[in-house]
C-alpha atoms as a PDB file:
ATOM      1  CA  MET A   1     -41.442 -72.584 -50.839  1.00  0.00           C
ATOM      2  CA  SER A   2     -38.565 -70.838 -52.569  1.00  0.00           C
ATOM      3  CA  ARG A   3     -35.965 -68.788 -50.711  1.00  0.00           C
ATOM      4  CA  PRO A   4     -37.095 -65.154 -50.944  1.00  0.00           C
ATOM      5  CA  VAL A   5     -33.770 -63.593 -51.988  1.00  0.00           C
ATOM      6  CA  MET A   6     -31.199 -63.954 -54.761  1.00  0.00           C
ATOM      7  CA  ASP A   7     -27.743 -62.382 -54.800  1.00  0.00           C
ATOM      8  CA  VAL A   8     -26.036 -60.646 -57.729  1.00  0.00           C
ATOM      9  CA  PRO A   9     -23.808 -63.594 -58.807  1.00  0.00           C
ATOM     10  CA  ASP A  10     -26.820 -65.909 -58.881  1.00  0.00           C
ATOM     11  CA  LEU A  11     -28.786 -63.396 -60.948  1.00  0.00           C
ATOM     12  CA  GLN A  12     -25.911 -63.032 -63.404  1.00  0.00           C
ATOM     13  CA  GLU A  13     -25.741 -66.816 -63.746  1.00  0.00           C
ATOM     14  CA  LEU A  14     -29.501 -67.013 -64.256  1.00  0.00           C
ATOM     15  CA  LEU A  15     -29.452 -64.321 -66.941  1.00  0.00           C
ATOM     16  CA  ALA A  16     -26.535 -66.035 -68.718  1.00  0.00           C
ATOM     17  CA  SER A  17     -28.388 -69.356 -68.722  1.00  0.00           C
ATOM     18  CA  GLY A  18     -30.995 -68.119 -71.177  1.00  0.00           C
ATOM     19  CA  GLU A  19     -33.886 -69.090 -68.918  1.00  0.00           C
ATOM     20  CA  PRO A  20     -36.854 -66.691 -69.036  1.00  0.00           C
ATOM     21  CA  VAL A  21     -36.352 -63.976 -66.409  1.00  0.00           C
ATOM     22  CA  VAL A  22     -38.378 -60.830 -65.755  1.00  0.00           C
ATOM     23  CA  LEU A  23     -36.630 -58.017 -63.876  1.00  0.00           C
ATOM     24  CA  LEU A  24     -38.747 -55.434 -62.071  1.00  0.00           C
ATOM     25  CA  ASP A  25     -37.343 -52.118 -60.830  1.00  0.00           C
ATOM     26  CA  VAL A  26     -39.414 -50.727 -57.939  1.00  0.00           C
ATOM     27  CA  ARG A  27     -37.676 -47.369 -57.518  1.00  0.00           C
ATOM     28  CA  TRP A  28     -39.715 -45.800 -54.682  1.00  0.00           C
ATOM     29  CA  ALA A  29     -39.191 -44.311 -51.235  1.00  0.00           C
ATOM     30  CA  LEU A  30     -41.556 -42.507 -48.865  1.00  0.00           C
ATOM     31  CA  GLY A  31     -41.719 -38.817 -49.705  1.00  0.00           C
ATOM     32  CA  HIS A  32     -39.902 -39.160 -53.051  1.00  0.00           C
ATOM     33  CA  THR A  33     -41.595 -38.895 -56.454  1.00  0.00           C
ATOM     34  CA  ASP A  34     -38.606 -39.223 -58.787  1.00  0.00           C
ATOM     35  CA  GLY A  35     -38.489 -43.026 -58.978  1.00  0.00           C
ATOM     36  CA  HIS A  36     -39.110 -43.185 -62.722  1.00  0.00           C
ATOM     37  CA  LYS A  37     -36.393 -40.600 -63.403  1.00  0.00           C
ATOM     38  CA  GLN A  38     -33.957 -42.600 -61.267  1.00  0.00           C
ATOM     39  CA  TYR A  39     -34.855 -45.712 -63.242  1.00  0.00           C
ATOM     40  CA  GLN A  40     -34.373 -43.916 -66.567  1.00  0.00           C
ATOM     41  CA  ARG A  41     -30.923 -42.724 -65.508  1.00  0.00           C
ATOM     42  CA  GLY A  42     -29.771 -46.262 -64.862  1.00  0.00           C
ATOM     43  CA  HIS A  43     -31.307 -49.680 -64.259  1.00  0.00           C
ATOM     44  CA  ILE A  44     -30.303 -53.307 -64.598  1.00  0.00           C
ATOM     45  CA  PRO A  45     -30.437 -54.146 -68.334  1.00  0.00           C
ATOM     46  CA  GLY A  46     -33.892 -55.353 -69.327  1.00  0.00           C
ATOM     47  CA  ALA A  47     -35.610 -54.299 -66.114  1.00  0.00           C
ATOM     48  CA  VAL A  48     -39.161 -52.939 -66.325  1.00  0.00           C
ATOM     49  CA  PHE A  49     -40.129 -49.960 -64.188  1.00  0.00           C
ATOM     50  CA  VAL A  50     -42.801 -50.582 -61.548  1.00  0.00           C
ATOM     51  CA  ASP A  51     -44.777 -47.633 -60.201  1.00  0.00           C
ATOM     52  CA  LEU A  52     -45.525 -48.607 -56.612  1.00  0.00           C
ATOM     53  CA  GLU A  53     -48.345 -46.103 -56.183  1.00  0.00           C
ATOM     54  CA  LYS A  54     -50.160 -47.196 -59.356  1.00  0.00           C
ATOM     55  CA  ASP A  55     -49.104 -50.808 -59.877  1.00  0.00           C
ATOM     56  CA  LEU A  56     -48.784 -52.215 -56.357  1.00  0.00           C
ATOM     57  CA  ALA A  57     -51.736 -50.561 -54.622  1.00  0.00           C
ATOM     58  CA  ALA A  58     -55.365 -49.650 -55.121  1.00  0.00           C
ATOM     59  CA  PRO A  59     -56.421 -46.029 -54.593  1.00  0.00           C
ATOM     60  CA  ALA A  60     -56.088 -44.922 -50.981  1.00  0.00           C
ATOM     61  CA  GLY A  61     -59.105 -45.617 -48.817  1.00  0.00           C
ATOM     62  CA  THR A  62     -60.378 -48.615 -50.805  1.00  0.00           C
ATOM     63  CA  GLY A  63     -60.097 -52.358 -50.291  1.00  0.00           C
ATOM     64  CA  SER A  64     -58.028 -53.117 -47.199  1.00  0.00           C
ATOM     65  CA  GLY A  65     -57.860 -49.424 -46.299  1.00  0.00           C
ATOM     66  CA  GLY A  66     -54.889 -47.239 -45.540  1.00  0.00           C
ATOM     67  CA  ARG A  67     -52.599 -45.355 -47.907  1.00  0.00           C
ATOM     68  CA  HIS A  68     -51.630 -48.380 -50.011  1.00  0.00           C
ATOM     69  CA  PRO A  69     -54.511 -50.899 -50.076  1.00  0.00           C
ATOM     70  CA  LEU A  70     -53.955 -54.203 -51.849  1.00  0.00           C
ATOM     71  CA  PRO A  71     -54.763 -53.956 -55.563  1.00  0.00           C
ATOM     72  CA  ASP A  72     -57.746 -55.638 -57.157  1.00  0.00           C
ATOM     73  CA  PRO A  73     -56.708 -59.210 -58.138  1.00  0.00           C
ATOM     74  CA  GLN A  74     -57.844 -58.918 -61.757  1.00  0.00           C
ATOM     75  CA  GLU A  75     -56.225 -55.530 -62.151  1.00  0.00           C
ATOM     76  CA  PHE A  76     -53.003 -56.904 -60.697  1.00  0.00           C
ATOM     77  CA  GLN A  77     -53.022 -59.753 -63.228  1.00  0.00           C
ATOM     78  CA  ARG A  78     -53.330 -57.202 -66.040  1.00  0.00           C
ATOM     79  CA  THR A  79     -50.431 -55.293 -64.507  1.00  0.00           C
ATOM     80  CA  ALA A  80     -48.263 -58.410 -64.241  1.00  0.00           C
ATOM     81  CA  ARG A  81     -48.947 -59.190 -67.894  1.00  0.00           C
ATOM     82  CA  ARG A  82     -48.008 -55.627 -68.827  1.00  0.00           C
ATOM     83  CA  TRP A  83     -44.690 -56.241 -67.096  1.00  0.00           C
ATOM     84  CA  GLY A  84     -44.188 -59.118 -69.529  1.00  0.00           C
ATOM     85  CA  ILE A  85     -44.562 -62.008 -67.093  1.00  0.00           C
ATOM     86  CA  ASN A  86     -45.403 -65.353 -68.695  1.00  0.00           C
ATOM     87  CA  SER A  87     -46.203 -68.686 -67.118  1.00  0.00           C
ATOM     88  CA  GLY A  88     -42.961 -70.363 -66.038  1.00  0.00           C
ATOM     89  CA  ASP A  89     -40.918 -67.150 -65.794  1.00  0.00           C
ATOM     90  CA  THR A  90     -38.625 -66.382 -62.894  1.00  0.00           C
ATOM     91  CA  VAL A  91     -39.192 -62.874 -61.537  1.00  0.00           C
ATOM     92  CA  VAL A  92     -36.526 -60.850 -59.715  1.00  0.00           C
ATOM     93  CA  VAL A  93     -37.495 -57.543 -58.098  1.00  0.00           C
ATOM     94  CA  TYR A  94     -35.206 -54.842 -56.764  1.00  0.00           C
ATOM     95  CA  ASP A  95     -34.982 -51.204 -55.708  1.00  0.00           C
ATOM     96  CA  ALA A  96     -32.352 -48.734 -54.489  1.00  0.00           C
ATOM     97  CA  VAL A  97     -33.293 -48.948 -50.788  1.00  0.00           C
ATOM     98  CA  SER A  98     -32.141 -52.448 -49.779  1.00  0.00           C
ATOM     99  CA  GLY A  99     -35.385 -54.127 -50.804  1.00  0.00           C
ATOM    100  CA  THR A 100     -37.709 -52.210 -48.491  1.00  0.00           C
ATOM    101  CA  SER A 101     -39.838 -51.041 -51.437  1.00  0.00           C
ATOM    102  CA  ALA A 102     -39.330 -53.997 -53.786  1.00  0.00           C
ATOM    103  CA  ALA A 103     -40.516 -56.329 -51.025  1.00  0.00           C
ATOM    104  CA  ARG A 104     -44.047 -55.101 -51.719  1.00  0.00           C
ATOM    105  CA  ALA A 105     -43.826 -56.461 -55.288  1.00  0.00           C
ATOM    106  CA  TRP A 106     -42.252 -59.698 -54.024  1.00  0.00           C
ATOM    107  CA  TRP A 107     -45.057 -60.159 -51.487  1.00  0.00           C
ATOM    108  CA  LEU A 108     -47.853 -59.349 -53.943  1.00  0.00           C
ATOM    109  CA  LEU A 109     -46.538 -61.743 -56.582  1.00  0.00           C
ATOM    110  CA  ARG A 110     -46.218 -64.482 -53.978  1.00  0.00           C
ATOM    111  CA  HIS A 111     -49.718 -63.636 -52.724  1.00  0.00           C
ATOM    112  CA  ALA A 112     -50.893 -63.982 -56.339  1.00  0.00           C
ATOM    113  CA  GLY A 113     -49.469 -67.486 -56.700  1.00  0.00           C
ATOM    114  CA  LEU A 114     -45.940 -67.062 -58.087  1.00  0.00           C
ATOM    115  CA  GLU A 115     -43.310 -69.213 -56.392  1.00  0.00           C
ATOM    116  CA  ALA A 116     -40.262 -68.288 -58.485  1.00  0.00           C
ATOM    117  CA  VAL A 117     -40.079 -64.655 -57.395  1.00  0.00           C
ATOM    118  CA  TYR A 118     -37.080 -63.209 -55.569  1.00  0.00           C
ATOM    119  CA  LEU A 119     -35.753 -60.020 -54.022  1.00  0.00           C
ATOM    120  CA  LEU A 120     -32.345 -59.071 -55.393  1.00  0.00           C
ATOM    121  CA  ASP A 121     -30.231 -58.912 -52.248  1.00  0.00           C
ATOM    122  CA  GLY A 122     -28.837 -55.386 -51.973  1.00  0.00           C
ATOM    123  CA  GLY A 123     -30.761 -54.215 -55.037  1.00  0.00           C
ATOM    124  CA  VAL A 124     -29.321 -51.982 -57.730  1.00  0.00           C
ATOM    125  CA  VAL A 125     -26.680 -50.764 -55.276  1.00  0.00           C
ATOM    126  CA  ALA A 126     -25.233 -54.280 -54.986  1.00  0.00           C
ATOM    127  CA  TRP A 127     -25.415 -54.696 -58.768  1.00  0.00           C
ATOM    128  CA  HIS A 128     -23.484 -51.451 -59.297  1.00  0.00           C
ATOM    129  CA  ARG A 129     -21.016 -52.316 -56.535  1.00  0.00           C
ATOM    130  CA  ALA A 130     -20.253 -55.587 -58.348  1.00  0.00           C
ATOM    131  CA  GLY A 131     -19.110 -53.514 -61.331  1.00  0.00           C
ATOM    132  CA  VAL A 132     -21.886 -54.638 -63.660  1.00  0.00           C
ATOM    133  CA  ALA A 133     -23.178 -52.124 -66.205  1.00  0.00           C
ATOM    134  CA  LEU A 134     -26.511 -50.344 -66.004  1.00  0.00           C
ATOM    135  CA  GLU A 135     -28.589 -49.095 -68.910  1.00  0.00           C
ATOM    136  CA  GLY A 136     -30.733 -45.993 -69.294  1.00  0.00           C
ATOM    137  CA  GLY A 137     -34.101 -45.252 -70.847  1.00  0.00           C
ATOM    138  CA  ASP A 138     -37.294 -47.286 -70.635  1.00  0.00           C
ATOM    139  CA  VAL A 139     -38.031 -50.950 -71.273  1.00  0.00           C
ATOM    140  CA  THR A 140     -41.429 -51.848 -72.758  1.00  0.00           C
ATOM    141  CA  PRO A 141     -41.859 -55.637 -72.870  1.00  0.00           C
ATOM    142  CA  GLU A 142     -44.312 -57.680 -74.902  1.00  0.00           C
ATOM    143  CA  GLU A 143     -47.466 -58.458 -72.936  1.00  0.00           C
ATOM    144  CA  GLY A 144     -47.262 -61.649 -70.922  1.00  0.00           C
ATOM    145  CA  ASN A 145     -49.807 -64.422 -70.410  1.00  0.00           C
ATOM    146  CA  ILE A 146     -49.444 -65.131 -66.687  1.00  0.00           C
ATOM    147  CA  GLU A 147     -52.527 -66.516 -64.927  1.00  0.00           C
ATOM    148  CA  LEU A 148     -52.539 -65.394 -61.313  1.00  0.00           C
ATOM    149  CA  THR A 149     -54.498 -66.631 -58.334  1.00  0.00           C
ATOM    150  CA  TRP A 150     -54.949 -64.757 -55.056  1.00  0.00           C
ATOM    151  CA  GLY A 151     -54.698 -65.288 -51.332  1.00  0.00           C
ATOM    152  CA  ARG A 152     -51.521 -67.387 -51.103  1.00  0.00           C
ATOM    153  CA  MET A 153     -49.858 -65.321 -48.337  1.00  0.00           C
ATOM    154  CA  PRO A 154     -51.376 -64.807 -44.868  1.00  0.00           C
ATOM    155  CA  VAL A 155     -53.093 -61.442 -44.401  1.00  0.00           C
ATOM    156  CA  LEU A 156     -54.080 -59.768 -41.142  1.00  0.00           C
ATOM    157  CA  GLN A 157     -57.238 -57.693 -41.087  1.00  0.00           C
ATOM    158  CA  MET A 158     -57.772 -54.862 -38.645  1.00  0.00           C
ATOM    159  CA  TRP A 159     -60.265 -56.851 -36.583  1.00  0.00           C
ATOM    160  CA  ASP A 160     -57.733 -59.693 -36.171  1.00  0.00           C
ATOM    161  CA  VAL A 161     -55.143 -57.483 -34.463  1.00  0.00           C
ATOM    162  CA  PRO A 162     -56.261 -58.042 -30.838  1.00  0.00           C
ATOM    163  CA  GLU A 163     -56.027 -61.819 -31.242  1.00  0.00           C
ATOM    164  CA  VAL A 164     -52.457 -61.652 -32.565  1.00  0.00           C
ATOM    165  CA  VAL A 165     -51.442 -59.270 -29.778  1.00  0.00           C
ATOM    166  CA  ALA A 166     -52.886 -61.658 -27.197  1.00  0.00           C
ATOM    167  CA  ALA A 167     -51.718 -64.976 -28.623  1.00  0.00           C
ATOM    168  CA  GLY A 168     -48.570 -64.202 -30.619  1.00  0.00           C
ATOM    169  CA  ARG A 169     -46.387 -61.322 -31.685  1.00  0.00           C
ATOM    170  CA  LEU A 170     -47.272 -58.207 -33.679  1.00  0.00           C
ATOM    171  CA  LEU A 171     -44.234 -56.472 -35.171  1.00  0.00           C
ATOM    172  CA  ASP A 172     -44.016 -52.809 -36.217  1.00  0.00           C
ATOM    173  CA  ALA A 173     -41.502 -52.423 -39.057  1.00  0.00           C
ATOM    174  CA  ARG A 174     -41.255 -48.629 -38.926  1.00  0.00           C
ATOM    175  CA  ALA A 175     -38.278 -46.597 -37.710  1.00  0.00           C
ATOM    176  CA  LYS A 176     -37.903 -46.290 -33.943  1.00  0.00           C
ATOM    177  CA  GLU A 177     -38.866 -42.628 -33.795  1.00  0.00           C
ATOM    178  CA  ARG A 178     -42.165 -43.272 -35.575  1.00  0.00           C
ATOM    179  CA  TYR A 179     -42.882 -46.311 -33.402  1.00  0.00           C
ATOM    180  CA  ARG A 180     -42.248 -44.280 -30.236  1.00  0.00           C
ATOM    181  CA  GLY A 181     -44.434 -41.463 -31.509  1.00  0.00           C
ATOM    182  CA  ASP A 182     -41.618 -38.888 -31.533  1.00  0.00           C
ATOM    183  CA  ARG A 183     -42.765 -37.811 -34.976  1.00  0.00           C
ATOM    184  CA  GLU A 184     -45.314 -38.829 -37.590  1.00  0.00           C
ATOM    185  CA  PRO A 185     -44.689 -37.310 -41.032  1.00  0.00           C
ATOM    186  CA  VAL A 186     -47.615 -38.898 -42.886  1.00  0.00           C
ATOM    187  CA  ASP A 187     -50.412 -40.399 -40.807  1.00  0.00           C
ATOM    188  CA  PRO A 188     -53.050 -38.770 -38.548  1.00  0.00           C
ATOM    189  CA  GLN A 189     -51.637 -39.868 -35.174  1.00  0.00           C
ATOM    190  CA  ALA A 190     -48.194 -40.682 -33.804  1.00  0.00           C
ATOM    191  CA  GLY A 191     -47.409 -43.854 -31.881  1.00  0.00           C
ATOM    192  CA  HIS A 192     -48.018 -47.578 -32.372  1.00  0.00           C
ATOM    193  CA  ILE A 193     -50.607 -50.306 -31.887  1.00  0.00           C
ATOM    194  CA  PRO A 194     -50.653 -51.324 -28.193  1.00  0.00           C
ATOM    195  CA  GLY A 195     -48.760 -54.565 -27.703  1.00  0.00           C
ATOM    196  CA  ALA A 196     -46.769 -54.261 -30.930  1.00  0.00           C
ATOM    197  CA  VAL A 197     -42.992 -54.683 -30.717  1.00  0.00           C
ATOM    198  CA  ASN A 198     -40.674 -52.529 -32.817  1.00  0.00           C
ATOM    199  CA  ALA A 199     -38.782 -54.486 -35.521  1.00  0.00           C
ATOM    200  CA  PRO A 200     -37.372 -51.822 -37.898  1.00  0.00           C
ATOM    201  CA  THR A 201     -36.471 -53.101 -41.343  1.00  0.00           C
ATOM    202  CA  THR A 202     -32.983 -51.650 -40.865  1.00  0.00           C
ATOM    203  CA  GLN A 203     -32.328 -54.413 -38.331  1.00  0.00           C
ATOM    204  CA  ASN A 204     -32.718 -56.987 -41.116  1.00  0.00           C
ATOM    205  CA  LEU A 205     -29.714 -55.582 -42.977  1.00  0.00           C
ATOM    206  CA  THR A 206     -25.943 -55.594 -42.926  1.00  0.00           C
ATOM    207  CA  GLU A 207     -23.906 -52.404 -43.339  1.00  0.00           C
ATOM    208  CA  GLU A 208     -23.807 -53.161 -47.086  1.00  0.00           C
ATOM    209  CA  GLY A 209     -27.609 -53.174 -47.299  1.00  0.00           C
ATOM    210  CA  THR A 210     -27.993 -56.922 -47.799  1.00  0.00           C
ATOM    211  CA  PHE A 211     -29.979 -59.319 -45.614  1.00  0.00           C
ATOM    212  CA  ARG A 212     -28.276 -60.628 -42.507  1.00  0.00           C
ATOM    213  CA  SER A 213     -27.783 -64.386 -42.296  1.00  0.00           C
ATOM    214  CA  PRO A 214     -30.768 -66.602 -41.421  1.00  0.00           C
ATOM    215  CA  GLU A 215     -29.130 -67.392 -38.076  1.00  0.00           C
ATOM    216  CA  GLU A 216     -28.698 -63.709 -37.212  1.00  0.00           C
ATOM    217  CA  LEU A 217     -32.242 -62.900 -38.277  1.00  0.00           C
ATOM    218  CA  ARG A 218     -33.621 -65.796 -36.253  1.00  0.00           C
ATOM    219  CA  ALA A 219     -31.804 -64.599 -33.137  1.00  0.00           C
ATOM    220  CA  SER A 220     -33.025 -61.046 -33.701  1.00  0.00           C
ATOM    221  CA  PHE A 221     -36.670 -62.052 -34.059  1.00  0.00           C
ATOM    222  CA  GLU A 222     -36.504 -64.482 -31.151  1.00  0.00           C
ATOM    223  CA  ALA A 223     -35.208 -61.633 -28.982  1.00  0.00           C
ATOM    224  CA  LEU A 224     -38.435 -59.796 -29.863  1.00  0.00           C
ATOM    225  CA  GLY A 225     -40.555 -62.710 -28.699  1.00  0.00           C
ATOM    226  CA  VAL A 226     -41.226 -64.484 -31.997  1.00  0.00           C
ATOM    227  CA  ARG A 227     -41.805 -68.165 -31.326  1.00  0.00           C
ATOM    228  CA  ARG A 228     -42.660 -71.192 -33.445  1.00  0.00           C
ATOM    229  CA  GLY A 229     -46.248 -72.302 -33.189  1.00  0.00           C
ATOM    230  CA  THR A 230     -47.606 -68.851 -32.311  1.00  0.00           C
ATOM    231  CA  PRO A 231     -49.019 -66.285 -34.766  1.00  0.00           C
ATOM    232  CA  VAL A 232     -46.717 -63.572 -36.112  1.00  0.00           C
ATOM    233  CA  ALA A 233     -47.875 -60.518 -38.063  1.00  0.00           C
ATOM    234  CA  VAL A 234     -46.202 -57.352 -39.319  1.00  0.00           C
ATOM    235  CA  TYR A 235     -47.348 -53.832 -40.077  1.00  0.00           C
ATOM    236  CA  CYS A 236     -45.637 -50.564 -41.000  1.00  0.00           C
ATOM    237  CA  GLY A 237     -46.976 -47.234 -42.229  1.00  0.00           C
ATOM    238  CA  SER A 238     -48.985 -48.530 -45.176  1.00  0.00           C
ATOM    239  CA  GLY A 239     -48.060 -52.160 -45.835  1.00  0.00           C
ATOM    240  CA  VAL A 240     -44.920 -51.557 -47.924  1.00  0.00           C
ATOM    241  CA  SER A 241     -41.789 -51.944 -45.793  1.00  0.00           C
ATOM    242  CA  ALA A 242     -43.587 -54.490 -43.572  1.00  0.00           C
ATOM    243  CA  ALA A 243     -43.226 -56.923 -46.485  1.00  0.00           C
ATOM    244  CA  HIS A 244     -39.453 -56.689 -45.957  1.00  0.00           C
ATOM    245  CA  ASP A 245     -39.924 -57.997 -42.412  1.00  0.00           C
ATOM    246  CA  VAL A 246     -42.106 -60.799 -43.826  1.00  0.00           C
ATOM    247  CA  ALA A 247     -39.248 -61.776 -46.171  1.00  0.00           C
ATOM    248  CA  ALA A 248     -36.696 -61.577 -43.344  1.00  0.00           C
ATOM    249  CA  LEU A 249     -38.915 -63.712 -41.128  1.00  0.00           C
ATOM    250  CA  GLU A 250     -39.179 -66.264 -43.935  1.00  0.00           C
ATOM    251  CA  LEU A 251     -35.379 -66.350 -44.179  1.00  0.00           C
ATOM    252  CA  ALA A 252     -35.331 -66.941 -40.432  1.00  0.00           C
ATOM    253  CA  GLY A 253     -37.784 -69.810 -40.755  1.00  0.00           C
ATOM    254  CA  TYR A 254     -41.062 -68.131 -39.775  1.00  0.00           C
ATOM    255  CA  LYS A 255     -44.284 -67.598 -41.693  1.00  0.00           C
ATOM    256  CA  ALA A 256     -45.735 -64.162 -40.952  1.00  0.00           C
ATOM    257  CA  ALA A 257     -48.930 -62.380 -41.920  1.00  0.00           C
ATOM    258  CA  LEU A 258     -48.940 -58.887 -43.414  1.00  0.00           C
ATOM    259  CA  TYR A 259     -51.351 -56.253 -42.134  1.00  0.00           C
ATOM    260  CA  PRO A 260     -51.850 -54.221 -45.355  1.00  0.00           C
ATOM    261  CA  GLY A 261     -53.816 -51.371 -43.794  1.00  0.00           C
ATOM    262  CA  SER A 262     -51.052 -50.877 -41.230  1.00  0.00           C
ATOM    263  CA  TRP A 263     -50.675 -47.706 -39.182  1.00  0.00           C
ATOM    264  CA  SER A 264     -52.261 -45.539 -41.887  1.00  0.00           C
ATOM    265  CA  GLN A 265     -55.540 -47.427 -41.467  1.00  0.00           C
ATOM    266  CA  TRP A 266     -55.266 -47.941 -37.723  1.00  0.00           C
ATOM    267  CA  SER A 267     -54.500 -44.304 -36.888  1.00  0.00           C
ATOM    268  CA  SER A 268     -57.326 -43.106 -39.157  1.00  0.00           C
ATOM    269  CA  THR A 269     -59.973 -45.282 -37.511  1.00  0.00           C
ATOM    270  CA  LYS A 270     -61.883 -43.595 -34.710  1.00  0.00           C
ATOM    271  CA  GLY A 271     -61.588 -45.394 -31.386  1.00  0.00           C
ATOM    272  CA  SER A 272     -58.422 -47.378 -32.207  1.00  0.00           C
ATOM    273  CA  PRO A 273     -56.141 -47.485 -29.148  1.00  0.00           C
ATOM    274  CA  VAL A 274     -52.688 -45.932 -29.491  1.00  0.00           C
ATOM    275  CA  ALA A 275     -49.510 -46.402 -27.446  1.00  0.00           C
ATOM    276  CA  VAL A 276     -46.414 -44.210 -27.376  1.00  0.00           C
ATOM    277  CA  GLY A 277     -42.870 -44.731 -26.150  1.00  0.00           C
ATOM    278  CA  GLN A 278     -40.396 -47.541 -26.646  1.00  0.00           C
ATOM    279  CA  GLN A 279     -42.397 -50.123 -24.664  1.00  0.00           C
ATOM    280  CA  PRO A 280     -45.174 -52.102 -26.422  1.00  0.00           C
ATOM    281  CA  GLY A 281     -47.819 -50.983 -23.958  1.00  0.00           C
ATOM    282  CA  GLU A 282     -50.891 -52.981 -22.984  1.00  0.00           C
ATOM    283  CA  TRP A 283     -54.103 -53.597 -24.840  1.00  0.00           C
ATOM    284  CA  PRO A 284     -56.875 -51.645 -23.085  1.00  0.00           C
ATOM    285  CA  GLY A 285     -58.622 -53.782 -20.491  1.00  0.00           C
ATOM    286  CA  ALA A 286     -56.322 -56.792 -20.785  1.00  0.00           C
ATOM    287  CA  GLY A 287     -52.926 -57.847 -19.485  1.00  0.00           C
ATOM    288  CA  GLN A 288     -50.174 -58.000 -22.088  1.00  0.00           C
ATOM    289  CA  ARG A 289     -48.654 -61.413 -22.749  1.00  0.00           C
ATOM    290  CA  ARG A 290     -44.951 -61.522 -21.954  1.00  0.00           C
END
């Protein structure tokens, strides 16, 4: 298994080596629709724009449910070829929000069988901070020939949630105020899945917006009750930023499942229990494992 992140100096060295590299720019953030315009104003030279809503998800309400269901495998292969990915290429994905959007592309490509796919640590912000030039406009690559498989990363379905809560640790990657239920700007209900522990993606990052060290991440997740040999799964609002926690957990030495439907599916499903406040809460009718 490859390390999930690559820093700017390593990317520069890789690009200078002449090896085949595909750069993907996933300029997206919740509530913002100007990602393509941001990309056009300035992106890493050669990077292809990725539309998260269209390229990294099926239409809402299909497949795994929620606002950003997993895409159809065959459709995703066509998309990856449109990005110009060929067999043997290294793929580096980035965004402008410390990897919390690009992690969805990283996770999907890994789920589809690619091993040599990396998150650019710190994203376009780190690239710009290093003093390296950006370019404007659009990049339209030649169609690639990549053959993808499917199902390489662990996935949590809605009906599996109680088992993970009972036997392992379910992490909620959303901001604290959404986890507590103080506010809910998008989904039908506020709060969190009973038994889930809050692990905001911001806790994975340094002040510069890069990943904390594996040792720091390991200590952080262990403090939340993550243990070797027990199941770990992550959800967020719609299965996007939760992939960032999956990458951070991998850096820390843990293999975690992604719950793609996440809170958008859970809170839309009649009869699903909901907890509020900073404490995980207990699953109805059962004692919570400590």
